[in-house]
Amino acid sequence: ASGGGQQIPVFTALGADCTVLDYSTEQLKREEEVGKREGYTPKCVRA
């Protein structure tokens, strides 16, 4: 429940292999937008 592009970009920059699960399509969309901007593709799961 950590979508929105606030924590996962930091963890990814630190070298972690990240997956984000969220029920909100809006939060996951924002996560993908931040990932695109930062140059990586987040693994997003809606559940």
ModelCIF file with pLDDT and N, C-alpha, C, O atoms, coordinates in Angstrom:
data_MODEL
#
_entry.id   MODEL 
#
_entity.id                         1 
_entity.type                       polymer 
_entity.pdbx_number_of_molecules   1 
#
_entity_poly.entity_id                      1 
_entity_poly.type                           'polypeptide(L)' 
_entity_poly.nstd_linkage                   no 
_entity_poly.nstd_monomer                   no 
_entity_poly.pdbx_seq_one_letter_code       ASGGGQQIPVFTALGADCTVLDYSTEQLKREEEVGKREGYTPKCVRA 
_entity_poly.pdbx_seq_one_letter_code_can   ASGGGQQIPVFTALGADCTVLDYSTEQLKREEEVGKREGYTPKCVRA 
_entity_poly.pdbx_strand_id                 A 
#
loop_
_entity_poly_seq.entity_id 
_entity_poly_seq.num 
_entity_poly_seq.mon_id 
_entity_poly_seq.hetero 
1 1  ALA n 
1 2  SER n 
1 3  GLY n 
1 4  GLY n 
1 5  GLY n 
1 6  GLN n 
1 7  GLN n 
1 8  ILE n 
1 9  PRO n 
1 10 VAL n 
1 11 PHE n 
1 12 THR n 
1 13 ALA n 
1 14 LEU n 
1 15 GLY n 
1 16 ALA n 
1 17 ASP n 
1 18 CYS n 
1 19 THR n 
1 20 VAL n 
1 21 LEU n 
1 22 ASP n 
1 23 TYR n 
1 24 SER n 
1 25 THR n 
1 26 GLU n 
1 27 GLN n 
1 28 LEU n 
1 29 LYS n 
1 30 ARG n 
1 31 GLU n 
1 32 GLU n 
1 33 GLU n 
1 34 VAL n 
1 35 GLY n 
1 36 LYS n 
1 37 ARG n 
1 38 GLU n 
1 39 GLY n 
1 40 TYR n 
1 41 THR n 
1 42 PRO n 
1 43 LYS n 
1 44 CYS n 
1 45 VAL n 
1 46 ARG n 
1 47 ALA n 
#
_struct_asym.id          A 
_struct_asym.entity_id   1 
#
loop_
_ma_qa_metric.id 
_ma_qa_metric.mode 
_ma_qa_metric.name 
_ma_qa_metric.software_group_id 
_ma_qa_metric.type 
1 global pLDDT . pLDDT 
2 local  pLDDT . pLDDT 
#
_ma_qa_metric_global.metric_id      1 
_ma_qa_metric_global.metric_value   90.17 
_ma_qa_metric_global.model_id       1 
_ma_qa_metric_global.ordinal_id     1 
#
loop_
_ma_qa_metric_local.label_asym_id 
_ma_qa_metric_local.label_comp_id 
_ma_qa_metric_local.label_seq_id 
_ma_qa_metric_local.metric_id 
_ma_qa_metric_local.metric_value 
_ma_qa_metric_local.model_id 
_ma_qa_metric_local.ordinal_id 
A ALA 1  2 93.00 1 1  
A SER 2  2 86.00 1 2  
A GLY 3  2 79.00 1 3  
A GLY 4  2 82.00 1 4  
A GLY 5  2 83.00 1 5  
A GLN 6  2 86.00 1 6  
A GLN 7  2 92.00 1 7  
A ILE 8  2 93.00 1 8  
A PRO 9  2 89.00 1 9  
A VAL 10 2 91.00 1 10 
A PHE 11 2 94.00 1 11 
A THR 12 2 93.00 1 12 
A ALA 13 2 88.00 1 13 
A LEU 14 2 91.00 1 14 
A GLY 15 2 92.00 1 15 
A ALA 16 2 96.00 1 16 
A ASP 17 2 97.00 1 17 
A CYS 18 2 97.00 1 18 
A THR 19 2 97.00 1 19 
A VAL 20 2 97.00 1 20 
A LEU 21 2 97.00 1 21 
A ASP 22 2 95.00 1 22 
A TYR 23 2 93.00 1 23 
A SER 24 2 91.00 1 24 
A THR 25 2 92.00 1 25 
A GLU 26 2 90.00 1 26 
A GLN 27 2 91.00 1 27 
A LEU 28 2 94.00 1 28 
A LYS 29 2 92.00 1 29 
A ARG 30 2 87.00 1 30 
A GLU 31 2 91.00 1 31 
A GLU 32 2 92.00 1 32 
A GLU 33 2 87.00 1 33 
A VAL 34 2 83.00 1 34 
A GLY 35 2 86.00 1 35 
A LYS 36 2 83.00 1 36 
A ARG 37 2 73.00 1 37 
A GLU 38 2 77.00 1 38 
A GLY 39 2 80.00 1 39 
A TYR 40 2 87.00 1 40 
A THR 41 2 90.00 1 41 
A PRO 42 2 91.00 1 42 
A LYS 43 2 95.00 1 43 
A CYS 44 2 96.00 1 44 
A VAL 45 2 97.00 1 45 
A ARG 46 2 96.00 1 46 
A ALA 47 2 96.00 1 47 
#
loop_
_atom_site.group_PDB 
_atom_site.id 
_atom_site.type_symbol 
_atom_site.label_atom_id 
_atom_site.label_alt_id 
_atom_site.label_comp_id 
_atom_site.label_asym_id 
_atom_site.label_entity_id 
_atom_site.label_seq_id 
_atom_site.pdbx_PDB_ins_code 
_atom_site.Cartn_x 
_atom_site.Cartn_y 
_atom_site.Cartn_z 
_atom_site.occupancy 
_atom_site.B_iso_or_equiv 
_atom_site.pdbx_formal_charge 
_atom_site.auth_seq_id 
_atom_site.auth_comp_id 
_atom_site.auth_asym_id 
_atom_site.auth_atom_id 
_atom_site.pdbx_PDB_model_num 
ATOM 1   N N  . ALA A 1 1  ? 0.859  -1.197 0.000   1.00 93.00 ? 1  ALA A N  1 
ATOM 2   C CA . ALA A 1 1  ? 0.000  0.000  0.000   1.00 93.00 ? 1  ALA A CA 1 
ATOM 3   C C  . ALA A 1 1  ? 0.888  1.238  0.000   1.00 93.00 ? 1  ALA A C  1 
ATOM 4   O O  . ALA A 1 1  ? 0.677  2.182  0.761   1.00 93.00 ? 1  ALA A O  1 
ATOM 5   N N  . SER A 1 2  ? 1.883  1.205  -0.872  1.00 86.00 ? 2  SER A N  1 
ATOM 6   C CA . SER A 1 2  ? 2.945  2.217  -0.852  1.00 86.00 ? 2  SER A CA 1 
ATOM 7   C C  . SER A 1 2  ? 3.111  2.881  -2.208  1.00 86.00 ? 2  SER A C  1 
ATOM 8   O O  . SER A 1 2  ? 4.201  3.346  -2.542  1.00 86.00 ? 2  SER A O  1 
ATOM 9   N N  . GLY A 1 3  ? 2.022  2.931  -3.007  1.00 79.00 ? 3  GLY A N  1 
ATOM 10  C CA . GLY A 1 3  ? 2.095  3.574  -4.310  1.00 79.00 ? 3  GLY A CA 1 
ATOM 11  C C  . GLY A 1 3  ? 2.158  5.083  -4.185  1.00 79.00 ? 3  GLY A C  1 
ATOM 12  O O  . GLY A 1 3  ? 1.956  5.634  -3.102  1.00 79.00 ? 3  GLY A O  1 
ATOM 13  N N  . GLY A 1 4  ? 2.437  5.749  -5.289  1.00 82.00 ? 4  GLY A N  1 
ATOM 14  C CA . GLY A 1 4  ? 2.454  7.208  -5.289  1.00 82.00 ? 4  GLY A CA 1 
ATOM 15  C C  . GLY A 1 4  ? 3.812  7.797  -5.606  1.00 82.00 ? 4  GLY A C  1 
ATOM 16  O O  . GLY A 1 4  ? 3.943  9.014  -5.739  1.00 82.00 ? 4  GLY A O  1 
ATOM 17  N N  . GLY A 1 5  ? 4.832  6.946  -5.730  1.00 83.00 ? 5  GLY A N  1 
ATOM 18  C CA . GLY A 1 5  ? 6.142  7.445  -6.137  1.00 83.00 ? 5  GLY A CA 1 
ATOM 19  C C  . GLY A 1 5  ? 6.915  8.178  -5.070  1.00 83.00 ? 5  GLY A C  1 
ATOM 20  O O  . GLY A 1 5  ? 7.687  9.083  -5.384  1.00 83.00 ? 5  GLY A O  1 
ATOM 21  N N  . GLN A 1 6  ? 6.727  7.808  -3.799  1.00 86.00 ? 6  GLN A N  1 
ATOM 22  C CA . GLN A 1 6  ? 7.430  8.512  -2.729  1.00 86.00 ? 6  GLN A CA 1 
ATOM 23  C C  . GLN A 1 6  ? 8.599  7.713  -2.153  1.00 86.00 ? 6  GLN A C  1 
ATOM 24  O O  . GLN A 1 6  ? 9.660  8.279  -1.892  1.00 86.00 ? 6  GLN A O  1 
ATOM 25  N N  . GLN A 1 7  ? 8.418  6.395  -1.949  1.00 92.00 ? 7  GLN A N  1 
ATOM 26  C CA . GLN A 1 7  ? 9.488  5.599  -1.340  1.00 92.00 ? 7  GLN A CA 1 
ATOM 27  C C  . GLN A 1 7  ? 10.234 4.724  -2.353  1.00 92.00 ? 7  GLN A C  1 
ATOM 28  O O  . GLN A 1 7  ? 11.460 4.625  -2.305  1.00 92.00 ? 7  GLN A O  1 
ATOM 29  N N  . ILE A 1 8  ? 9.511  4.106  -3.247  1.00 93.00 ? 8  ILE A N  1 
ATOM 30  C CA . ILE A 1 8  ? 10.127 3.144  -4.161  1.00 93.00 ? 8  ILE A CA 1 
ATOM 31  C C  . ILE A 1 8  ? 11.235 3.763  -5.010  1.00 93.00 ? 8  ILE A C  1 
ATOM 32  O O  . ILE A 1 8  ? 12.245 3.098  -5.240  1.00 93.00 ? 8  ILE A O  1 
ATOM 33  N N  . PRO A 1 9  ? 11.096 5.017  -5.493  1.00 89.00 ? 9  PRO A N  1 
ATOM 34  C CA . PRO A 1 9  ? 12.212 5.606  -6.248  1.00 89.00 ? 9  PRO A CA 1 
ATOM 35  C C  . PRO A 1 9  ? 13.501 5.690  -5.430  1.00 89.00 ? 9  PRO A C  1 
ATOM 36  O O  . PRO A 1 9  ? 14.593 5.509  -5.969  1.00 89.00 ? 9  PRO A O  1 
ATOM 37  N N  . VAL A 1 10 ? 13.376 5.965  -4.128  1.00 91.00 ? 10 VAL A N  1 
ATOM 38  C CA . VAL A 1 10 ? 14.548 6.039  -3.255  1.00 91.00 ? 10 VAL A CA 1 
ATOM 39  C C  . VAL A 1 10 ? 15.169 4.662  -3.099  1.00 91.00 ? 10 VAL A C  1 
ATOM 40  O O  . VAL A 1 10 ? 16.384 4.504  -3.221  1.00 91.00 ? 10 VAL A O  1 
ATOM 41  N N  . PHE A 1 11 ? 14.328 3.659  -2.828  1.00 94.00 ? 11 PHE A N  1 
ATOM 42  C CA . PHE A 1 11 ? 14.837 2.300  -2.646  1.00 94.00 ? 11 PHE A CA 1 
ATOM 43  C C  . PHE A 1 11 ? 15.505 1.790  -3.926  1.00 94.00 ? 11 PHE A C  1 
ATOM 44  O O  . PHE A 1 11 ? 16.529 1.109  -3.871  1.00 94.00 ? 11 PHE A O  1 
ATOM 45  N N  . THR A 1 12 ? 14.921 2.123  -5.069  1.00 93.00 ? 12 THR A N  1 
ATOM 46  C CA . THR A 1 12 ? 15.490 1.701  -6.352  1.00 93.00 ? 12 THR A CA 1 
ATOM 47  C C  . THR A 1 12 ? 16.853 2.347  -6.572  1.00 93.00 ? 12 THR A C  1 
ATOM 48  O O  . THR A 1 12 ? 17.792 1.694  -7.029  1.00 93.00 ? 12 THR A O  1 
ATOM 49  N N  . ALA A 1 13 ? 16.957 3.644  -6.242  1.00 88.00 ? 13 ALA A N  1 
ATOM 50  C CA . ALA A 1 13 ? 18.236 4.349  -6.385  1.00 88.00 ? 13 ALA A CA 1 
ATOM 51  C C  . ALA A 1 13 ? 19.302 3.750  -5.489  1.00 88.00 ? 13 ALA A C  1 
ATOM 52  O O  . ALA A 1 13 ? 20.491 3.841  -5.793  1.00 88.00 ? 13 ALA A O  1 
ATOM 53  N N  . LEU A 1 14 ? 18.886 3.130  -4.372  1.00 91.00 ? 14 LEU A N  1 
ATOM 54  C CA . LEU A 1 14 ? 19.825 2.501  -3.447  1.00 91.00 ? 14 LEU A CA 1 
ATOM 55  C C  . LEU A 1 14 ? 20.203 1.088  -3.873  1.00 91.00 ? 14 LEU A C  1 
ATOM 56  O O  . LEU A 1 14 ? 20.983 0.416  -3.199  1.00 91.00 ? 14 LEU A O  1 
ATOM 57  N N  . GLY A 1 15 ? 19.641 0.640  -5.004  1.00 92.00 ? 15 GLY A N  1 
ATOM 58  C CA . GLY A 1 15 ? 20.021 -0.663 -5.541  1.00 92.00 ? 15 GLY A CA 1 
ATOM 59  C C  . GLY A 1 15 ? 19.101 -1.808 -5.193  1.00 92.00 ? 15 GLY A C  1 
ATOM 60  O O  . GLY A 1 15 ? 19.430 -2.962 -5.466  1.00 92.00 ? 15 GLY A O  1 
ATOM 61  N N  . ALA A 1 16 ? 17.945 -1.520 -4.592  1.00 96.00 ? 16 ALA A N  1 
ATOM 62  C CA . ALA A 1 16 ? 17.008 -2.581 -4.219  1.00 96.00 ? 16 ALA A CA 1 
ATOM 63  C C  . ALA A 1 16 ? 16.157 -3.002 -5.418  1.00 96.00 ? 16 ALA A C  1 
ATOM 64  O O  . ALA A 1 16 ? 15.955 -2.235 -6.359  1.00 96.00 ? 16 ALA A O  1 
ATOM 65  N N  . ASP A 1 17 ? 15.677 -4.211 -5.359  1.00 97.00 ? 17 ASP A N  1 
ATOM 66  C CA . ASP A 1 17 ? 14.748 -4.754 -6.360  1.00 97.00 ? 17 ASP A CA 1 
ATOM 67  C C  . ASP A 1 17 ? 13.344 -4.596 -5.785  1.00 97.00 ? 17 ASP A C  1 
ATOM 68  O O  . ASP A 1 17 ? 12.957 -5.326 -4.872  1.00 97.00 ? 17 ASP A O  1 
ATOM 69  N N  . CYS A 1 18 ? 12.583 -3.645 -6.320  1.00 97.00 ? 18 CYS A N  1 
ATOM 70  C CA . CYS A 1 18 ? 11.344 -3.230 -5.660  1.00 97.00 ? 18 CYS A CA 1 
ATOM 71  C C  . CYS A 1 18 ? 10.079 -3.638 -6.410  1.00 97.00 ? 18 CYS A C  1 
ATOM 72  O O  . CYS A 1 18 ? 10.022 -3.637 -7.640  1.00 97.00 ? 18 CYS A O  1 
ATOM 73  N N  . THR A 1 19 ? 9.069  -3.987 -5.617  1.00 97.00 ? 19 THR A N  1 
ATOM 74  C CA . THR A 1 19 ? 7.713  -4.223 -6.101  1.00 97.00 ? 19 THR A CA 1 
ATOM 75  C C  . THR A 1 19 ? 6.782  -3.387 -5.249  1.00 97.00 ? 19 THR A C  1 
ATOM 76  O O  . THR A 1 19 ? 6.946  -3.326 -4.030  1.00 97.00 ? 19 THR A O  1 
ATOM 77  N N  . VAL A 1 20 ? 5.801  -2.736 -5.874  1.00 97.00 ? 20 VAL A N  1 
ATOM 78  C CA . VAL A 1 20 ? 4.840  -1.951 -5.109  1.00 97.00 ? 20 VAL A CA 1 
ATOM 79  C C  . VAL A 1 20 ? 3.443  -2.520 -5.334  1.00 97.00 ? 20 VAL A C  1 
ATOM 80  O O  . VAL A 1 20 ? 3.024  -2.749 -6.469  1.00 97.00 ? 20 VAL A O  1 
ATOM 81  N N  . LEU A 1 21 ? 2.729  -2.743 -4.226  1.00 97.00 ? 21 LEU A N  1 
ATOM 82  C CA . LEU A 1 21 ? 1.350  -3.229 -4.277  1.00 97.00 ? 21 LEU A CA 1 
ATOM 83  C C  . LEU A 1 21 ? 0.435  -2.145 -3.726  1.00 97.00 ? 21 LEU A C  1 
ATOM 84  O O  . LEU A 1 21 ? 0.667  -1.615 -2.639  1.00 97.00 ? 21 LEU A O  1 
ATOM 85  N N  . ASP A 1 22 ? -0.602 -1.823 -4.482  1.00 95.00 ? 22 ASP A N  1 
ATOM 86  C CA . ASP A 1 22 ? -1.568 -0.828 -4.031  1.00 95.00 ? 22 ASP A CA 1 
ATOM 87  C C  . ASP A 1 22 ? -2.915 -1.147 -4.673  1.00 95.00 ? 22 ASP A C  1 
ATOM 88  O O  . ASP A 1 22 ? -2.982 -1.712 -5.765  1.00 95.00 ? 22 ASP A O  1 
ATOM 89  N N  . TYR A 1 23 ? -3.988 -0.773 -3.970  1.00 93.00 ? 23 TYR A N  1 
ATOM 90  C CA . TYR A 1 23 ? -5.329 -0.997 -4.523  1.00 93.00 ? 23 TYR A CA 1 
ATOM 91  C C  . TYR A 1 23 ? -5.755 0.166  -5.413  1.00 93.00 ? 23 TYR A C  1 
ATOM 92  O O  . TYR A 1 23 ? -6.636 0.015  -6.259  1.00 93.00 ? 23 TYR A O  1 
ATOM 93  N N  . SER A 1 24 ? -5.131 1.321  -5.222  1.00 91.00 ? 24 SER A N  1 
ATOM 94  C CA . SER A 1 24 ? -5.502 2.529  -5.952  1.00 91.00 ? 24 SER A CA 1 
ATOM 95  C C  . SER A 1 24 ? -4.819 2.580  -7.317  1.00 91.00 ? 24 SER A C  1 
ATOM 96  O O  . SER A 1 24 ? -3.591 2.607  -7.396  1.00 91.00 ? 24 SER A O  1 
ATOM 97  N N  . THR A 1 25 ? -5.602 2.594  -8.379  1.00 92.00 ? 25 THR A N  1 
ATOM 98  C CA . THR A 1 25 ? -5.029 2.708  -9.721  1.00 92.00 ? 25 THR A CA 1 
ATOM 99  C C  . THR A 1 25 ? -4.347 4.063  -9.899  1.00 92.00 ? 25 THR A C  1 
ATOM 100 O O  . THR A 1 25 ? -3.357 4.180  -10.622 1.00 92.00 ? 25 THR A O  1 
ATOM 101 N N  . GLU A 1 26 ? -4.888 5.085  -9.232  1.00 90.00 ? 26 GLU A N  1 
ATOM 102 C CA . GLU A 1 26 ? -4.303 6.425  -9.320  1.00 90.00 ? 26 GLU A CA 1 
ATOM 103 C C  . GLU A 1 26 ? -2.907 6.452  -8.697  1.00 90.00 ? 26 GLU A C  1 
ATOM 104 O O  . GLU A 1 26 ? -1.985 7.049  -9.253  1.00 90.00 ? 26 GLU A O  1 
ATOM 105 N N  . GLN A 1 27 ? -2.758 5.807  -7.550  1.00 91.00 ? 27 GLN A N  1 
ATOM 106 C CA . GLN A 1 27 ? -1.444 5.760  -6.892  1.00 91.00 ? 27 GLN A CA 1 
ATOM 107 C C  . GLN A 1 27 ? -0.433 4.976  -7.731  1.00 91.00 ? 27 GLN A C  1 
ATOM 108 O O  . GLN A 1 27 ? 0.731  5.363  -7.836  1.00 91.00 ? 27 GLN A O  1 
ATOM 109 N N  . LEU A 1 28 ? -0.887 3.873  -8.323  1.00 94.00 ? 28 LEU A N  1 
ATOM 110 C CA . LEU A 1 28 ? 0.012  3.077  -9.157  1.00 94.00 ? 28 LEU A CA 1 
ATOM 111 C C  . LEU A 1 28 ? 0.392  3.827  -10.434 1.00 94.00 ? 28 LEU A C  1 
ATOM 112 O O  . LEU A 1 28 ? 1.523  3.725  -10.908 1.00 94.00 ? 28 LEU A O  1 
ATOM 113 N N  . LYS A 1 29 ? -0.554 4.576  -10.981 1.00 92.00 ? 29 LYS A N  1 
ATOM 114 C CA . LYS A 1 29 ? -0.258 5.388  -12.165 1.00 92.00 ? 29 LYS A CA 1 
ATOM 115 C C  . LYS A 1 29 ? 0.804  6.423  -11.843 1.00 92.00 ? 29 LYS A C  1 
ATOM 116 O O  . LYS A 1 29 ? 1.717  6.656  -12.635 1.00 92.00 ? 29 LYS A O  1 
ATOM 117 N N  . ARG A 1 30 ? 0.679  7.050  -10.662 1.00 87.00 ? 30 ARG A N  1 
ATOM 118 C CA . ARG A 1 30 ? 1.668  8.037  -10.243 1.00 87.00 ? 30 ARG A CA 1 
ATOM 119 C C  . ARG A 1 30 ? 3.033  7.381  -10.040 1.00 87.00 ? 30 ARG A C  1 
ATOM 120 O O  . ARG A 1 30 ? 4.069  7.960  -10.368 1.00 87.00 ? 30 ARG A O  1 
ATOM 121 N N  . GLU A 1 31 ? 3.015  6.149  -9.487  1.00 91.00 ? 31 GLU A N  1 
ATOM 122 C CA . GLU A 1 31 ? 4.264  5.401  -9.303  1.00 91.00 ? 31 GLU A CA 1 
ATOM 123 C C  . GLU A 1 31 ? 4.953  5.174  -10.645 1.00 91.00 ? 31 GLU A C  1 
ATOM 124 O O  . GLU A 1 31 ? 6.168  5.336  -10.758 1.00 91.00 ? 31 GLU A O  1 
ATOM 125 N N  . GLU A 1 32 ? 4.180  4.801  -11.653 1.00 92.00 ? 32 GLU A N  1 
ATOM 126 C CA . GLU A 1 32 ? 4.734  4.554  -12.987 1.00 92.00 ? 32 GLU A CA 1 
ATOM 127 C C  . GLU A 1 32 ? 5.253  5.840  -13.615 1.00 92.00 ? 32 GLU A C  1 
ATOM 128 O O  . GLU A 1 32 ? 6.280  5.829  -14.294 1.00 92.00 ? 32 GLU A O  1 
ATOM 129 N N  . GLU A 1 33 ? 4.549  6.951  -13.394 1.00 87.00 ? 33 GLU A N  1 
ATOM 130 C CA . GLU A 1 33 ? 4.987  8.235  -13.941 1.00 87.00 ? 33 GLU A CA 1 
ATOM 131 C C  . GLU A 1 33 ? 6.325  8.655  -13.345 1.00 87.00 ? 33 GLU A C  1 
ATOM 132 O O  . GLU A 1 33 ? 7.208  9.133  -14.057 1.00 87.00 ? 33 GLU A O  1 
ATOM 133 N N  . VAL A 1 34 ? 6.469  8.473  -12.027 1.00 83.00 ? 34 VAL A N  1 
ATOM 134 C CA . VAL A 1 34 ? 7.727  8.823  -11.372 1.00 83.00 ? 34 VAL A CA 1 
ATOM 135 C C  . VAL A 1 34 ? 8.850  7.922  -11.870 1.00 83.00 ? 34 VAL A C  1 
ATOM 136 O O  . VAL A 1 34 ? 9.963  8.389  -12.112 1.00 83.00 ? 34 VAL A O  1 
ATOM 137 N N  . GLY A 1 35 ? 8.559  6.621  -12.024 1.00 86.00 ? 35 GLY A N  1 
ATOM 138 C CA . GLY A 1 35 ? 9.556  5.690  -12.531 1.00 86.00 ? 35 GLY A CA 1 
ATOM 139 C C  . GLY A 1 35 ? 10.037 6.067  -13.928 1.00 86.00 ? 35 GLY A C  1 
ATOM 140 O O  . GLY A 1 35 ? 11.231 6.010  -14.224 1.00 86.00 ? 35 GLY A O  1 
ATOM 141 N N  . LYS A 1 36 ? 9.098  6.450  -14.777 1.00 83.00 ? 36 LYS A N  1 
ATOM 142 C CA . LYS A 1 36 ? 9.447  6.860  -16.143 1.00 83.00 ? 36 LYS A CA 1 
ATOM 143 C C  . LYS A 1 36 ? 10.331 8.090  -16.121 1.00 83.00 ? 36 LYS A C  1 
ATOM 144 O O  . LYS A 1 36 ? 11.299 8.189  -16.875 1.00 83.00 ? 36 LYS A O  1 
ATOM 145 N N  . ARG A 1 37 ? 9.989  9.026  -15.250 1.00 73.00 ? 37 ARG A N  1 
ATOM 146 C CA . ARG A 1 37 ? 10.769 10.253 -15.130 1.00 73.00 ? 37 ARG A CA 1 
ATOM 147 C C  . ARG A 1 37 ? 12.180 9.972  -14.613 1.00 73.00 ? 37 ARG A C  1 
ATOM 148 O O  . ARG A 1 37 ? 13.145 10.605 -15.041 1.00 73.00 ? 37 ARG A O  1 
ATOM 149 N N  . GLU A 1 38 ? 12.287 9.000  -13.674 1.00 77.00 ? 38 GLU A N  1 
ATOM 150 C CA . GLU A 1 38 ? 13.580 8.702  -13.050 1.00 77.00 ? 38 GLU A CA 1 
ATOM 151 C C  . GLU A 1 38 ? 14.393 7.669  -13.827 1.00 77.00 ? 38 GLU A C  1 
ATOM 152 O O  . GLU A 1 38 ? 15.530 7.368  -13.465 1.00 77.00 ? 38 GLU A O  1 
ATOM 153 N N  . GLY A 1 39 ? 13.805 7.127  -14.898 1.00 80.00 ? 39 GLY A N  1 
ATOM 154 C CA . GLY A 1 39 ? 14.562 6.231  -15.759 1.00 80.00 ? 39 GLY A CA 1 
ATOM 155 C C  . GLY A 1 39 ? 14.531 4.770  -15.393 1.00 80.00 ? 39 GLY A C  1 
ATOM 156 O O  . GLY A 1 39 ? 15.468 4.039  -15.714 1.00 80.00 ? 39 GLY A O  1 
ATOM 157 N N  . TYR A 1 40 ? 13.477 4.315  -14.727 1.00 87.00 ? 40 TYR A N  1 
ATOM 158 C CA . TYR A 1 40 ? 13.334 2.891  -14.433 1.00 87.00 ? 40 TYR A CA 1 
ATOM 159 C C  . TYR A 1 40 ? 11.864 2.501  -14.539 1.00 87.00 ? 40 TYR A C  1 
ATOM 160 O O  . TYR A 1 40 ? 10.986 3.364  -14.531 1.00 87.00 ? 40 TYR A O  1 
ATOM 161 N N  . THR A 1 41 ? 11.598 1.206  -14.638 1.00 90.00 ? 41 THR A N  1 
ATOM 162 C CA . THR A 1 41 ? 10.223 0.722  -14.751 1.00 90.00 ? 41 THR A CA 1 
ATOM 163 C C  . THR A 1 41 ? 9.831  0.011  -13.465 1.00 90.00 ? 41 THR A C  1 
ATOM 164 O O  . THR A 1 41 ? 10.315 -1.091 -13.207 1.00 90.00 ? 41 THR A O  1 
ATOM 165 N N  . PRO A 1 42 ? 8.968  0.611  -12.652 1.00 91.00 ? 42 PRO A N  1 
ATOM 166 C CA . PRO A 1 42 ? 8.574  -0.030 -11.385 1.00 91.00 ? 42 PRO A CA 1 
ATOM 167 C C  . PRO A 1 42 ? 7.686  -1.243 -11.626 1.00 91.00 ? 42 PRO A C  1 
ATOM 168 O O  . PRO A 1 42 ? 6.891  -1.280 -12.564 1.00 91.00 ? 42 PRO A O  1 
ATOM 169 N N  . LYS A 1 43 ? 7.843  -2.236 -10.752 1.00 95.00 ? 43 LYS A N  1 
ATOM 170 C CA . LYS A 1 43 ? 6.956  -3.403 -10.813 1.00 95.00 ? 43 LYS A CA 1 
ATOM 171 C C  . LYS A 1 43 ? 5.721  -3.101 -9.964  1.00 95.00 ? 43 LYS A C  1 
ATOM 172 O O  . LYS A 1 43 ? 5.780  -3.138 -8.735  1.00 95.00 ? 43 LYS A O  1 
ATOM 173 N N  . CYS A 1 44 ? 4.605  -2.802 -10.630 1.00 96.00 ? 44 CYS A N  1 
ATOM 174 C CA . CYS A 1 44 ? 3.381  -2.398 -9.939  1.00 96.00 ? 44 CYS A CA 1 
ATOM 175 C C  . CYS A 1 44 ? 2.346  -3.514 -9.976  1.00 96.00 ? 44 CYS A C  1 
ATOM 176 O O  . CYS A 1 44 ? 2.100  -4.118 -11.020 1.00 96.00 ? 44 CYS A O  1 
ATOM 177 N N  . VAL A 1 45 ? 1.751  -3.775 -8.831  1.00 97.00 ? 45 VAL A N  1 
ATOM 178 C CA . VAL A 1 45 ? 0.724  -4.813 -8.712  1.00 97.00 ? 45 VAL A CA 1 
ATOM 179 C C  . VAL A 1 45 ? -0.514 -4.194 -8.071  1.00 97.00 ? 45 VAL A C  1 
ATOM 180 O O  . VAL A 1 45 ? -0.445 -3.657 -6.965  1.00 97.00 ? 45 VAL A O  1 
ATOM 181 N N  . ARG A 1 46 ? -1.644 -4.272 -8.767  1.00 96.00 ? 46 ARG A N  1 
ATOM 182 C CA . ARG A 1 46 ? -2.882 -3.791 -8.168  1.00 96.00 ? 46 ARG A CA 1 
ATOM 183 C C  . ARG A 1 46 ? -3.556 -4.966 -7.456  1.00 96.00 ? 46 ARG A C  1 
ATOM 184 O O  . ARG A 1 46 ? -3.937 -5.949 -8.092  1.00 96.00 ? 46 ARG A O  1 
ATOM 185 N N  . ALA A 1 47 ? -3.698 -4.859 -6.147  1.00 96.00 ? 47 ALA A N  1 
ATOM 186 C CA . ALA A 1 47 ? -4.293 -5.943 -5.360  1.00 96.00 ? 47 ALA A CA 1 
ATOM 187 C C  . ALA A 1 47 ? -4.801 -5.383 -4.040  1.00 96.00 ? 47 ALA A C  1 
ATOM 188 O O  . ALA A 1 47 ? -5.340 -6.126 -3.221  1.00 96.00 ? 47 ALA A O  1 
#
